[in-house]
Amino acid sequence: MKTALLAAFLGLIAFNSLAQDKPAAAPAPAPAAAQAAAPAAPAADDKAAVPEDKVLKDEKEKQAEEARRAAAAERAAAAKEHREQLFKACVIKPVMTDDEIEACKKAYAA
């Protein structure tokens, strides 16, 4: 009986860790009406016709997007490190104290 419960608990742990490793779903594509309403981008030949302030604005937007991506990657790395630290504190044993159980609850909730 105890081995069956332990096996079920370990299976739940494995399933939970697999579920956490799945990537987020891709965003839905924009509706066709919204794409048709968007202004067309200038052709590559027309770069001379594009004002400099538009080019600078585009570059600033690209830099801001890169900064957002870098910050998101940094947050994700910090969250992963935090989860790893919590899992180091969680050691599944047949008999566990309340503190050990609480540490495992925190690890699997993160």
PDB file of N, CA and C in Angstrom:
ATOM      1  N   MET A   1       0.829  -1.185   0.000  1.00  0.00           N
ATOM      2  CA  MET A   1       0.000   0.000   0.000  1.00  0.00           C
ATOM      3  C   MET A   1       0.874   1.250   0.000  1.00  0.00           C
ATOM      4  N   LYS A   2       1.893   1.261   0.860  1.00  0.00           N
ATOM      5  CA  LYS A   2       2.775   2.430   0.937  1.00  0.00           C
ATOM      6  C   LYS A   2       3.546   2.618  -0.358  1.00  0.00           C
ATOM      7  N   THR A   3       3.980   1.517  -0.961  1.00  0.00           N
ATOM      8  CA  THR A   3       4.730   1.644  -2.219  1.00  0.00           C
ATOM      9  C   THR A   3       3.841   2.166  -3.325  1.00  0.00           C
ATOM     10  N   ALA A   4       2.570   1.788  -3.325  1.00  0.00           N
ATOM     11  CA  ALA A   4       1.646   2.294  -4.342  1.00  0.00           C
ATOM     12  C   ALA A   4       1.436   3.792  -4.162  1.00  0.00           C
ATOM     13  N   LEU A   5       1.294   4.240  -2.918  1.00  0.00           N
ATOM     14  CA  LEU A   5       1.137   5.672  -2.658  1.00  0.00           C
ATOM     15  C   LEU A   5       2.401   6.434  -3.043  1.00  0.00           C
ATOM     16  N   LEU A   6       3.546   5.861  -2.708  1.00  0.00           N
ATOM     17  CA  LEU A   6       4.813   6.509  -3.053  1.00  0.00           C
ATOM     18  C   LEU A   6       4.971   6.587  -4.567  1.00  0.00           C
ATOM     19  N   ALA A   7       4.634   5.512  -5.270  1.00  0.00           N
ATOM     20  CA  ALA A   7       4.726   5.498  -6.729  1.00  0.00           C
ATOM     21  C   ALA A   7       3.775   6.533  -7.333  1.00  0.00           C
ATOM     22  N   ALA A   8       2.564   6.630  -6.794  1.00  0.00           N
ATOM     23  CA  ALA A   8       1.613   7.620  -7.293  1.00  0.00           C
ATOM     24  C   ALA A   8       2.114   9.035  -7.031  1.00  0.00           C
ATOM     25  N   PHE A   9       2.686   9.257  -5.860  1.00  0.00           N
ATOM     26  CA  PHE A   9       3.218  10.580  -5.532  1.00  0.00           C
ATOM     27  C   PHE A   9       4.381  10.941  -6.454  1.00  0.00           C
ATOM     28  N   LEU A  10       5.286  10.013  -6.681  1.00  0.00           N
ATOM     29  CA  LEU A  10       6.421  10.268  -7.573  1.00  0.00           C
ATOM     30  C   LEU A  10       5.954  10.480  -9.011  1.00  0.00           C
ATOM     31  N   GLY A  11       4.927   9.758  -9.426  1.00  0.00           N
ATOM     32  CA  GLY A  11       4.360   9.971 -10.757  1.00  0.00           C
ATOM     33  C   GLY A  11       3.763  11.353 -10.885  1.00  0.00           C
ATOM     34  N   LEU A  12       3.096  11.813  -9.846  1.00  0.00           N
ATOM     35  CA  LEU A  12       2.526  13.158  -9.839  1.00  0.00           C
ATOM     36  C   LEU A  12       3.632  14.204  -9.914  1.00  0.00           C
ATOM     37  N   ILE A  13       4.706  13.969  -9.218  1.00  0.00           N
ATOM     38  CA  ILE A  13       5.839  14.895  -9.250  1.00  0.00           C
ATOM     39  C   ILE A  13       6.422  14.964 -10.657  1.00  0.00           C
ATOM     40  N   ALA A  14       6.620  13.811 -11.278  1.00  0.00           N
ATOM     41  CA  ALA A  14       7.174  13.778 -12.634  1.00  0.00           C
ATOM     42  C   ALA A  14       6.240  14.467 -13.616  1.00  0.00           C
ATOM     43  N   PHE A  15       4.939  14.212 -13.501  1.00  0.00           N
ATOM     44  CA  PHE A  15       3.973  14.853 -14.385  1.00  0.00           C
ATOM     45  C   PHE A  15       3.985  16.359 -14.209  1.00  0.00           C
ATOM     46  N   ASN A  16       4.055  16.820 -12.965  1.00  0.00           N
ATOM     47  CA  ASN A  16       4.066  18.244 -12.675  1.00  0.00           C
ATOM     48  C   ASN A  16       5.312  18.901 -13.262  1.00  0.00           C
ATOM     49  N   SER A  17       6.462  18.254 -13.142  1.00  0.00           N
ATOM     50  CA  SER A  17       7.686  18.858 -13.673  1.00  0.00           C
ATOM     51  C   SER A  17       7.645  18.898 -15.193  1.00  0.00           C
ATOM     52  N   LEU A  18       7.031  17.902 -15.832  1.00  0.00           N
ATOM     53  CA  LEU A  18       6.897  17.930 -17.287  1.00  0.00           C
ATOM     54  C   LEU A  18       5.953  19.043 -17.708  1.00  0.00           C
ATOM     55  N   ALA A  19       4.895  19.263 -16.969  1.00  0.00           N
ATOM     56  CA  ALA A  19       3.931  20.302 -17.310  1.00  0.00           C
ATOM     57  C   ALA A  19       4.559  21.688 -17.189  1.00  0.00           C
ATOM     58  N   GLN A  20       5.499  21.863 -16.276  1.00  0.00           N
ATOM     59  CA  GLN A  20       6.143  23.164 -16.103  1.00  0.00           C
ATOM     60  C   GLN A  20       7.133  23.449 -17.217  1.00  0.00           C
ATOM     61  N   ASP A  21       7.667  22.422 -17.861  1.00  0.00           N
ATOM     62  CA  ASP A  21       8.668  22.609 -18.906  1.00  0.00           C
ATOM     63  C   ASP A  21       8.055  22.937 -20.256  1.00  0.00           C
ATOM     64  N   LYS A  22       6.724  22.839 -20.395  1.00  0.00           N
ATOM     65  CA  LYS A  22       6.099  23.110 -21.689  1.00  0.00           C
ATOM     66  C   LYS A  22       6.175  24.605 -21.987  1.00  0.00           C
ATOM     67  N   PRO A  23       6.489  24.983 -23.236  1.00  0.00           N
ATOM     68  CA  PRO A  23       6.527  26.405 -23.590  1.00  0.00           C
ATOM     69  C   PRO A  23       5.116  26.976 -23.666  1.00  0.00           C
ATOM     70  N   ALA A  24       5.035  28.263 -23.526  1.00  0.00           N
ATOM     71  CA  ALA A  24       3.746  28.942 -23.593  1.00  0.00           C
ATOM     72  C   ALA A  24       3.194  28.843 -25.012  1.00  0.00           C
ATOM     73  N   ALA A  25       1.878  28.884 -25.145  1.00  0.00           N
ATOM     74  CA  ALA A  25       1.240  28.787 -26.453  1.00  0.00           C
ATOM     75  C   ALA A  25       1.572  30.019 -27.282  1.00  0.00           C
ATOM     76  N   ALA A  26       1.698  29.836 -28.575  1.00  0.00           N
ATOM     77  CA  ALA A  26       1.998  30.937 -29.483  1.00  0.00           C
ATOM     78  C   ALA A  26       0.779  31.850 -29.551  1.00  0.00           C
ATOM     79  N   PRO A  27       1.002  33.168 -29.691  1.00  0.00           N
ATOM     80  CA  PRO A  27      -0.139  34.085 -29.777  1.00  0.00           C
ATOM     81  C   PRO A  27      -0.924  33.849 -31.065  1.00  0.00           C
ATOM     82  N   ALA A  28      -2.212  34.124 -31.002  1.00  0.00           N
ATOM     83  CA  ALA A  28      -3.079  33.935 -32.162  1.00  0.00           C
ATOM     84  C   ALA A  28      -2.735  34.968 -33.226  1.00  0.00           C
ATOM     85  N   PRO A  29      -2.820  34.602 -34.504  1.00  0.00           N
ATOM     86  CA  PRO A  29      -2.520  35.564 -35.564  1.00  0.00           C
ATOM     87  C   PRO A  29      -3.570  36.669 -35.602  1.00  0.00           C
ATOM     88  N   ALA A  30      -3.163  37.830 -36.078  1.00  0.00           N
ATOM     89  CA  ALA A  30      -4.064  38.977 -36.161  1.00  0.00           C
ATOM     90  C   ALA A  30      -5.127  38.716 -37.227  1.00  0.00           C
ATOM     91  N   PRO A  31      -6.339  39.225 -37.019  1.00  0.00           N
ATOM     92  CA  PRO A  31      -7.394  39.040 -38.019  1.00  0.00           C
ATOM     93  C   PRO A  31      -7.013  39.687 -39.352  1.00  0.00           C
ATOM     94  N   ALA A  32      -7.557  39.153 -40.420  1.00  0.00           N
ATOM     95  CA  ALA A  32      -7.228  39.649 -41.759  1.00  0.00           C
ATOM     96  C   ALA A  32      -7.670  41.101 -41.923  1.00  0.00           C
ATOM     97  N   ALA A  33      -8.781  41.479 -41.309  1.00  0.00           N
ATOM     98  CA  ALA A  33      -9.267  42.857 -41.433  1.00  0.00           C
ATOM     99  C   ALA A  33      -8.270  43.838 -40.813  1.00  0.00           C
ATOM    100  N   ALA A  34      -7.669  43.466 -39.702  1.00  0.00           N
ATOM    101  CA  ALA A  34      -6.701  44.342 -39.059  1.00  0.00           C
ATOM    102  C   ALA A  34      -5.432  44.445 -39.890  1.00  0.00           C
ATOM    103  N   GLN A  35      -5.056  43.357 -40.545  1.00  0.00           N
ATOM    104  CA  GLN A  35      -3.863  43.387 -41.389  1.00  0.00           C
ATOM    105  C   GLN A  35      -4.101  44.240 -42.621  1.00  0.00           C
ATOM    106  N   ALA A  36      -5.307  44.164 -43.171  1.00  0.00           N
ATOM    107  CA  ALA A  36      -5.613  44.951 -44.353  1.00  0.00           C
ATOM    108  C   ALA A  36      -5.675  46.431 -44.021  1.00  0.00           C
ATOM    109  N   ALA A  37      -6.096  46.785 -42.810  1.00  0.00           N
ATOM    110  CA  ALA A  37      -6.217  48.178 -42.423  1.00  0.00           C
ATOM    111  C   ALA A  37      -4.866  48.797 -42.088  1.00  0.00           C
ATOM    112  N   ALA A  38      -3.855  47.985 -41.801  1.00  0.00           N
ATOM    113  CA  ALA A  38      -2.536  48.498 -41.446  1.00  0.00           C
ATOM    114  C   ALA A  38      -1.884  49.118 -42.674  1.00  0.00           C
ATOM    115  N   PRO A  39      -1.193  50.246 -42.486  1.00  0.00           N
ATOM    116  CA  PRO A  39      -0.530  50.877 -43.626  1.00  0.00           C
ATOM    117  C   PRO A  39       0.625  50.005 -44.111  1.00  0.00           C
ATOM    118  N   ALA A  40       0.842  50.031 -45.401  1.00  0.00           N
ATOM    119  CA  ALA A  40       1.913  49.236 -45.999  1.00  0.00           C
ATOM    120  C   ALA A  40       3.265  49.859 -45.663  1.00  0.00           C
ATOM    121  N   ALA A  41       4.239  49.015 -45.397  1.00  0.00           N
ATOM    122  CA  ALA A  41       5.590  49.499 -45.105  1.00  0.00           C
ATOM    123  C   ALA A  41       6.245  49.951 -46.400  1.00  0.00           C
ATOM    124  N   PRO A  42       7.109  50.961 -46.331  1.00  0.00           N
ATOM    125  CA  PRO A  42       7.775  51.424 -47.547  1.00  0.00           C
ATOM    126  C   PRO A  42       8.706  50.333 -48.089  1.00  0.00           C
ATOM    127  N   ALA A  43       8.851  50.287 -49.379  1.00  0.00           N
ATOM    128  CA  ALA A  43       9.715  49.297 -50.030  1.00  0.00           C
ATOM    129  C   ALA A  43      11.171  49.593 -49.701  1.00  0.00           C
ATOM    130  N   ALA A  44      12.033  48.600 -49.882  1.00  0.00           N
ATOM    131  CA  ALA A  44      13.454  48.755 -49.576  1.00  0.00           C
ATOM    132  C   ALA A  44      14.088  49.822 -50.459  1.00  0.00           C
ATOM    133  N   ASP A  45      13.560  50.001 -51.674  1.00  0.00           N
ATOM    134  CA  ASP A  45      14.115  51.003 -52.589  1.00  0.00           C
ATOM    135  C   ASP A  45      13.821  52.416 -52.108  1.00  0.00           C
ATOM    136  N   ASP A  46      12.769  52.575 -51.329  1.00  0.00           N
ATOM    137  CA  ASP A  46      12.323  53.898 -50.926  1.00  0.00           C
ATOM    138  C   ASP A  46      12.947  54.369 -49.619  1.00  0.00           C
ATOM    139  N   LYS A  47      14.084  53.804 -49.218  1.00  0.00           N
ATOM    140  CA  LYS A  47      14.710  54.215 -47.964  1.00  0.00           C
ATOM    141  C   LYS A  47      15.089  55.687 -47.986  1.00  0.00           C
ATOM    142  N   ALA A  48      15.460  56.188 -49.132  1.00  0.00           N
ATOM    143  CA  ALA A  48      15.818  57.601 -49.236  1.00  0.00           C
ATOM    144  C   ALA A  48      14.592  58.473 -49.007  1.00  0.00           C
ATOM    145  N   ALA A  49      13.408  57.953 -49.324  1.00  0.00           N
ATOM    146  CA  ALA A  49      12.191  58.730 -49.177  1.00  0.00           C
ATOM    147  C   ALA A  49      11.701  58.743 -47.724  1.00  0.00           C
ATOM    148  N   VAL A  50      12.190  57.832 -46.885  1.00  0.00           N
ATOM    149  CA  VAL A  50      11.766  57.770 -45.492  1.00  0.00           C
ATOM    150  C   VAL A  50      12.517  58.838 -44.702  1.00  0.00           C
ATOM    151  N   PRO A  51      11.808  59.670 -43.943  1.00  0.00           N
ATOM    152  CA  PRO A  51      12.491  60.714 -43.160  1.00  0.00           C
ATOM    153  C   PRO A  51      13.377  60.091 -42.072  1.00  0.00           C
ATOM    154  N   GLU A  52      14.412  60.859 -41.707  1.00  0.00           N
ATOM    155  CA  GLU A  52      15.368  60.365 -40.712  1.00  0.00           C
ATOM    156  C   GLU A  52      14.717  60.141 -39.354  1.00  0.00           C
ATOM    157  N   ASP A  53      13.786  61.005 -38.973  1.00  0.00           N
ATOM    158  CA  ASP A  53      13.142  60.831 -37.673  1.00  0.00           C
ATOM    159  C   ASP A  53      12.352  59.520 -37.610  1.00  0.00           C
ATOM    160  N   LYS A  54      11.824  59.078 -38.726  1.00  0.00           N
ATOM    161  CA  LYS A  54      11.120  57.794 -38.776  1.00  0.00           C
ATOM    162  C   LYS A  54      12.124  56.649 -38.568  1.00  0.00           C
ATOM    163  N   VAL A  55      13.302  56.758 -39.179  1.00  0.00           N
ATOM    164  CA  VAL A  55      14.335  55.739 -39.032  1.00  0.00           C
ATOM    165  C   VAL A  55      14.810  55.695 -37.581  1.00  0.00           C
ATOM    166  N   LEU A  56      15.028  56.870 -36.976  1.00  0.00           N
ATOM    167  CA  LEU A  56      15.461  56.925 -35.584  1.00  0.00           C
ATOM    168  C   LEU A  56      14.391  56.354 -34.659  1.00  0.00           C
ATOM    169  N   LYS A  57      13.135  56.656 -34.955  1.00  0.00           N
ATOM    170  CA  LYS A  57      12.035  56.139 -34.145  1.00  0.00           C
ATOM    171  C   LYS A  57      11.988  54.606 -34.235  1.00  0.00           C
ATOM    172  N   ASP A  58      12.168  54.083 -35.446  1.00  0.00           N
ATOM    173  CA  ASP A  58      12.178  52.626 -35.623  1.00  0.00           C
ATOM    174  C   ASP A  58      13.331  51.988 -34.861  1.00  0.00           C
ATOM    175  N   GLU A  59      14.498  52.631 -34.891  1.00  0.00           N
ATOM    176  CA  GLU A  59      15.654  52.095 -34.165  1.00  0.00           C
ATOM    177  C   GLU A  59      15.416  52.114 -32.661  1.00  0.00           C
ATOM    178  N   LYS A  60      14.821  53.200 -32.167  1.00  0.00           N
ATOM    179  CA  LYS A  60      14.507  53.278 -30.737  1.00  0.00           C
ATOM    180  C   LYS A  60      13.509  52.194 -30.339  1.00  0.00           C
ATOM    181  N   GLU A  61      12.526  51.946 -31.197  1.00  0.00           N
ATOM    182  CA  GLU A  61      11.550  50.892 -30.920  1.00  0.00           C
ATOM    183  C   GLU A  61      12.226  49.527 -30.885  1.00  0.00           C
ATOM    184  N   LYS A  62      13.164  49.300 -31.814  1.00  0.00           N
ATOM    185  CA  LYS A  62      13.897  48.030 -31.840  1.00  0.00           C
ATOM    186  C   LYS A  62      14.731  47.866 -30.573  1.00  0.00           C
ATOM    187  N   GLN A  63      15.386  48.937 -30.148  1.00  0.00           N
ATOM    188  CA  GLN A  63      16.203  48.875 -28.931  1.00  0.00           C
ATOM    189  C   GLN A  63      15.324  48.621 -27.707  1.00  0.00           C
ATOM    190  N   ALA A  64      14.163  49.266 -27.665  1.00  0.00           N
ATOM    191  CA  ALA A  64      13.250  49.068 -26.544  1.00  0.00           C
ATOM    192  C   ALA A  64      12.747  47.626 -26.529  1.00  0.00           C
ATOM    193  N   GLU A  65      12.449  47.077 -27.704  1.00  0.00           N
ATOM    194  CA  GLU A  65      11.997  45.689 -27.784  1.00  0.00           C
ATOM    195  C   GLU A  65      13.106  44.737 -27.346  1.00  0.00           C
ATOM    196  N   GLU A  66      14.332  44.999 -27.744  1.00  0.00           N
ATOM    197  CA  GLU A  66      15.466  44.172 -27.317  1.00  0.00           C
ATOM    198  C   GLU A  66      15.644  44.243 -25.797  1.00  0.00           C
ATOM    199  N   ALA A  67      15.479  45.437 -25.233  1.00  0.00           N
ATOM    200  CA  ALA A  67      15.603  45.603 -23.783  1.00  0.00           C
ATOM    201  C   ALA A  67      14.503  44.826 -23.062  1.00  0.00           C
ATOM    202  N   ARG A  68      13.267  44.870 -23.605  1.00  0.00           N
ATOM    203  CA  ARG A  68      12.174  44.110 -23.012  1.00  0.00           C
ATOM    204  C   ARG A  68      12.444  42.613 -23.067  1.00  0.00           C
ATOM    205  N   ARG A  69      12.957  42.155 -24.193  1.00  0.00           N
ATOM    206  CA  ARG A  69      13.274  40.727 -24.328  1.00  0.00           C
ATOM    207  C   ARG A  69      14.378  40.318 -23.362  1.00  0.00           C
ATOM    208  N   ALA A  70      15.398  41.157 -23.237  1.00  0.00           N
ATOM    209  CA  ALA A  70      16.498  40.854 -22.322  1.00  0.00           C
ATOM    210  C   ALA A  70      15.994  40.814 -20.878  1.00  0.00           C
ATOM    211  N   ALA A  71      15.133  41.751 -20.521  1.00  0.00           N
ATOM    212  CA  ALA A  71      14.579  41.772 -19.163  1.00  0.00           C
ATOM    213  C   ALA A  71      13.710  40.542 -18.916  1.00  0.00           C
ATOM    214  N   ALA A  72      12.927  40.148 -19.911  1.00  0.00           N
ATOM    215  CA  ALA A  72      12.087  38.956 -19.769  1.00  0.00           C
ATOM    216  C   ALA A  72      12.950  37.709 -19.613  1.00  0.00           C
ATOM    217  N   ALA A  73      14.033  37.624 -20.392  1.00  0.00           N
ATOM    218  CA  ALA A  73      14.937  36.473 -20.282  1.00  0.00           C
ATOM    219  C   ALA A  73      15.607  36.447 -18.914  1.00  0.00           C
ATOM    220  N   GLU A  74      15.963  37.610 -18.410  1.00  0.00           N
ATOM    221  CA  GLU A  74      16.588  37.697 -17.085  1.00  0.00           C
ATOM    222  C   GLU A  74      15.609  37.273 -15.989  1.00  0.00           C
ATOM    223  N   ARG A  75      14.349  37.724 -16.102  1.00  0.00           N
ATOM    224  CA  ARG A  75      13.331  37.318 -15.127  1.00  0.00           C
ATOM    225  C   ARG A  75      13.090  35.812 -15.175  1.00  0.00           C
ATOM    226  N   ALA A  76      13.067  35.257 -16.382  1.00  0.00           N
ATOM    227  CA  ALA A  76      12.855  33.816 -16.523  1.00  0.00           C
ATOM    228  C   ALA A  76      14.019  33.039 -15.908  1.00  0.00           C
ATOM    229  N   ALA A  77      15.243  33.519 -16.114  1.00  0.00           N
ATOM    230  CA  ALA A  77      16.410  32.850 -15.534  1.00  0.00           C
ATOM    231  C   ALA A  77      16.376  32.936 -14.009  1.00  0.00           C
ATOM    232  N   ALA A  78      15.976  34.083 -13.485  1.00  0.00           N
ATOM    233  CA  ALA A  78      15.894  34.247 -12.035  1.00  0.00           C
ATOM    234  C   ALA A  78      14.812  33.332 -11.448  1.00  0.00           C
ATOM    235  N   ALA A  79      13.682  33.221 -12.143  1.00  0.00           N
ATOM    236  CA  ALA A  79      12.607  32.347 -11.668  1.00  0.00           C
ATOM    237  C   ALA A  79      13.040  30.885 -11.701  1.00  0.00           C
ATOM    238  N   LYS A  80      13.771  30.511 -12.742  1.00  0.00           N
ATOM    239  CA  LYS A  80      14.262  29.135 -12.839  1.00  0.00           C
ATOM    240  C   LYS A  80      15.242  28.838 -11.712  1.00  0.00           C
ATOM    241  N   GLU A  81      16.128  29.773 -11.435  1.00  0.00           N
ATOM    242  CA  GLU A  81      17.099  29.602 -10.349  1.00  0.00           C
ATOM    243  C   GLU A  81      16.371  29.476  -9.006  1.00  0.00           C
ATOM    244  N   HIS A  82      15.337  30.293  -8.824  1.00  0.00           N
ATOM    245  CA  HIS A  82      14.554  30.240  -7.586  1.00  0.00           C
ATOM    246  C   HIS A  82      13.895  28.867  -7.418  1.00  0.00           C
ATOM    247  N   ARG A  83      13.286  28.357  -8.508  1.00  0.00           N
ATOM    248  CA  ARG A  83      12.657  27.036  -8.451  1.00  0.00           C
ATOM    249  C   ARG A  83      13.687  25.951  -8.145  1.00  0.00           C
ATOM    250  N   GLU A  84      14.876  26.056  -8.752  1.00  0.00           N
ATOM    251  CA  GLU A  84      15.918  25.067  -8.499  1.00  0.00           C
ATOM    252  C   GLU A  84      16.346  25.083  -7.031  1.00  0.00           C
ATOM    253  N   GLN A  85      16.453  26.274  -6.442  1.00  0.00           N
ATOM    254  CA  GLN A  85      16.809  26.381  -5.030  1.00  0.00           C
ATOM    255  C   GLN A  85      15.733  25.733  -4.153  1.00  0.00           C
ATOM    256  N   LEU A  86      14.469  25.955  -4.500  1.00  0.00           N
ATOM    257  CA  LEU A  86      13.382  25.358  -3.736  1.00  0.00           C
ATOM    258  C   LEU A  86      13.402  23.831  -3.851  1.00  0.00           C
ATOM    259  N   PHE A  87      13.684  23.316  -5.043  1.00  0.00           N
ATOM    260  CA  PHE A  87      13.718  21.871  -5.225  1.00  0.00           C
ATOM    261  C   PHE A  87      14.909  21.237  -4.516  1.00  0.00           C
ATOM    262  N   LYS A  88      15.994  21.983  -4.345  1.00  0.00           N
ATOM    263  CA  LYS A  88      17.123  21.445  -3.585  1.00  0.00           C
ATOM    264  C   LYS A  88      16.730  21.218  -2.126  1.00  0.00           C
ATOM    265  N   ALA A  89      15.832  22.056  -1.621  1.00  0.00           N
ATOM    266  CA  ALA A  89      15.382  21.929  -0.232  1.00  0.00           C
ATOM    267  C   ALA A  89      14.341  20.822  -0.070  1.00  0.00           C
ATOM    268  N   CYS A  90      13.778  20.364  -1.160  1.00  0.00           N
ATOM    269  CA  CYS A  90      12.727  19.344  -1.114  1.00  0.00           C
ATOM    270  C   CYS A  90      13.327  17.983  -1.441  1.00  0.00           C
ATOM    271  N   VAL A  91      13.381  17.132  -0.453  1.00  0.00           N
ATOM    272  CA  VAL A  91      13.835  15.756  -0.636  1.00  0.00           C
ATOM    273  C   VAL A  91      12.691  14.850  -0.193  1.00  0.00           C
ATOM    274  N   ILE A  92      12.142  14.093  -1.153  1.00  0.00           N
ATOM    275  CA  ILE A  92      11.013  13.215  -0.861  1.00  0.00           C
ATOM    276  C   ILE A  92      11.527  11.988  -0.108  1.00  0.00           C
ATOM    277  N   LYS A  93      10.945  11.750   1.059  1.00  0.00           N
ATOM    278  CA  LYS A  93      11.314  10.608   1.893  1.00  0.00           C
ATOM    279  C   LYS A  93      10.032   9.924   2.359  1.00  0.00           C
ATOM    280  N   PRO A  94      10.132   8.675   2.762  1.00  0.00           N
ATOM    281  CA  PRO A  94       8.925   7.989   3.252  1.00  0.00           C
ATOM    282  C   PRO A  94       8.315   8.664   4.474  1.00  0.00           C
ATOM    283  N   VAL A  95       9.153   9.185   5.356  1.00  0.00           N
ATOM    284  CA  VAL A  95       8.673   9.878   6.546  1.00  0.00           C
ATOM    285  C   VAL A  95       9.281  11.274   6.521  1.00  0.00           C
ATOM    286  N   MET A  96       8.401  12.279   6.550  1.00  0.00           N
ATOM    287  CA  MET A  96       8.870  13.660   6.443  1.00  0.00           C
ATOM    288  C   MET A  96       8.280  14.490   7.578  1.00  0.00           C
ATOM    289  N   THR A  97       9.063  15.490   8.019  1.00  0.00           N
ATOM    290  CA  THR A  97       8.565  16.407   9.036  1.00  0.00           C
ATOM    291  C   THR A  97       7.646  17.419   8.370  1.00  0.00           C
ATOM    292  N   ASP A  98       6.939  18.181   9.183  1.00  0.00           N
ATOM    293  CA  ASP A  98       6.052  19.206   8.649  1.00  0.00           C
ATOM    294  C   ASP A  98       6.842  20.258   7.870  1.00  0.00           C
ATOM    295  N   ASP A  99       8.020  20.619   8.347  1.00  0.00           N
ATOM    296  CA  ASP A  99       8.855  21.602   7.646  1.00  0.00           C
ATOM    297  C   ASP A  99       9.293  21.080   6.281  1.00  0.00           C
ATOM    298  N   GLU A 100       9.644  19.812   6.202  1.00  0.00           N
ATOM    299  CA  GLU A 100      10.059  19.225   4.923  1.00  0.00           C
ATOM    300  C   GLU A 100       8.882  19.167   3.948  1.00  0.00           C
ATOM    301  N   ILE A 101       7.710  18.839   4.465  1.00  0.00           N
ATOM    302  CA  ILE A 101       6.517  18.815   3.621  1.00  0.00           C
ATOM    303  C   ILE A 101       6.213  20.217   3.110  1.00  0.00           C
ATOM    304  N   GLU A 102       6.333  21.201   3.968  1.00  0.00           N
ATOM    305  CA  GLU A 102       6.076  22.586   3.576  1.00  0.00           C
ATOM    306  C   GLU A 102       7.077  23.052   2.514  1.00  0.00           C
ATOM    307  N   ALA A 103       8.344  22.648   2.670  1.00  0.00           N
ATOM    308  CA  ALA A 103       9.365  23.004   1.680  1.00  0.00           C
ATOM    309  C   ALA A 103       9.017  22.403   0.321  1.00  0.00           C
ATOM    310  N   CYS A 104       8.532  21.170   0.307  1.00  0.00           N
ATOM    311  CA  CYS A 104       8.138  20.546  -0.951  1.00  0.00           C
ATOM    312  C   CYS A 104       6.903  21.192  -1.545  1.00  0.00           C
ATOM    313  N   LYS A 105       5.965  21.598  -0.700  1.00  0.00           N
ATOM    314  CA  LYS A 105       4.775  22.295  -1.207  1.00  0.00           C
ATOM    315  C   LYS A 105       5.175  23.587  -1.891  1.00  0.00           C
ATOM    316  N   LYS A 106       6.089  24.331  -1.282  1.00  0.00           N
ATOM    317  CA  LYS A 106       6.562  25.589  -1.868  1.00  0.00           C
ATOM    318  C   LYS A 106       7.275  25.322  -3.190  1.00  0.00           C
ATOM    319  N   ALA A 107       8.074  24.255  -3.227  1.00  0.00           N
ATOM    320  CA  ALA A 107       8.835  23.943  -4.434  1.00  0.00           C
ATOM    321  C   ALA A 107       7.890  23.616  -5.593  1.00  0.00           C
ATOM    322  N   TYR A 108       6.877  22.810  -5.330  1.00  0.00           N
ATOM    323  CA  TYR A 108       5.980  22.413  -6.397  1.00  0.00           C
ATOM    324  C   TYR A 108       4.945  23.475  -6.726  1.00  0.00           C
ATOM    325  N   ALA A 109       4.757  24.426  -5.857  1.00  0.00           N
ATOM    326  CA  ALA A 109       3.836  25.534  -6.156  1.00  0.00           C
ATOM    327  C   ALA A 109       4.523  26.590  -7.022  1.00  0.00           C
ATOM    328  N   ALA A 110       5.846  26.659  -6.944  1.00  0.00           N
ATOM    329  CA  ALA A 110       6.590  27.688  -7.683  1.00  0.00           C
ATOM    330  C   ALA A 110       6.668  27.383  -9.151  1.00  0.00           C
TER     331      ALA A 110
END
